[in-house]
Amino acid sequence: MAKIKVTQVKSAINRPQRQKLTLQALGLGKLNRTVEHEATPQILGMVKKVEHMVKIVK
């Protein structure tokens, strides 16, 4: 499968709890932290839920 890099670029402060938990599940939580994941449908769905707070590099 293809790999994607996800970087958090906006804070989770004043965001709904579900979005905070999604960031945590992706391995994020601090600004400018980058993680690499396989591009599975589950991961892509999680990224879509918080796409306004992250930057994606394929």
Protein backbone atom coordinates (compact mmCIF):
# COMPACT_ATOMS: atom_id res chain seq x y z
CA MET A 1 0.00 0.00 0.00
CA ALA A 2 0.97 3.61 -0.44
CA LYS A 3 2.33 5.57 2.49
CA ILE A 4 1.18 9.04 3.51
CA LYS A 5 2.79 11.54 5.86
CA VAL A 6 0.44 13.50 8.09
CA THR A 7 1.62 16.68 9.85
CA GLN A 8 -0.42 18.60 12.40
CA VAL A 9 -0.47 22.29 11.48
CA LYS A 10 -3.28 23.65 13.68
CA SER A 11 -3.98 23.31 17.38
CA ALA A 12 -6.64 21.03 18.83
CA ILE A 13 -7.64 23.67 21.39
CA ASN A 14 -11.37 24.53 21.23
CA ARG A 15 -12.09 21.53 18.99
CA PRO A 16 -14.66 18.79 19.68
CA GLN A 17 -13.49 15.84 21.75
CA ARG A 18 -13.90 13.47 18.80
CA GLN A 19 -11.41 15.47 16.73
CA LYS A 20 -8.92 15.52 19.61
CA LEU A 21 -9.22 11.75 19.97
CA THR A 22 -8.80 11.28 16.21
CA LEU A 23 -5.56 13.27 16.29
CA GLN A 24 -4.37 11.17 19.21
CA ALA A 25 -5.23 7.95 17.37
CA LEU A 26 -3.21 9.16 14.38
CA GLY A 27 -0.21 9.67 16.66
CA LEU A 28 -0.40 13.45 16.60
CA GLY A 29 -1.03 15.92 19.42
CA LYS A 30 1.59 18.64 19.11
CA LEU A 31 2.05 21.15 16.35
CA ASN A 32 4.40 20.22 13.52
CA ARG A 33 4.54 16.58 14.57
CA THR A 34 4.71 14.27 11.55
CA VAL A 35 3.73 10.61 11.37
CA GLU A 36 3.75 8.15 8.49
CA HIS A 37 0.87 5.72 7.94
CA GLU A 38 -0.23 3.26 5.30
CA ALA A 39 -3.04 4.71 3.17
CA THR A 40 -5.75 2.32 4.34
CA PRO A 41 -9.43 3.32 4.16
CA GLN A 42 -9.52 3.61 7.97
CA ILE A 43 -6.57 6.00 8.12
CA LEU A 44 -7.85 8.06 5.17
CA GLY A 45 -11.23 8.39 6.91
CA MET A 46 -9.56 9.60 10.09
CA VAL A 47 -7.50 12.12 8.14
CA LYS A 48 -10.63 13.39 6.37
CA LYS A 49 -12.28 14.11 9.74
CA VAL A 50 -9.42 16.39 10.79
CA GLU A 51 -8.23 17.63 7.39
CA HIS A 52 -8.64 21.26 8.51
CA MET A 53 -5.91 20.71 11.15
CA VAL A 54 -3.40 18.58 9.23
CA LYS A 55 -1.30 18.63 6.08
CA ILE A 56 -1.02 15.46 3.99
CA VAL A 57 1.96 14.49 1.82
CA LYS A 58 1.67 11.41 -0.38
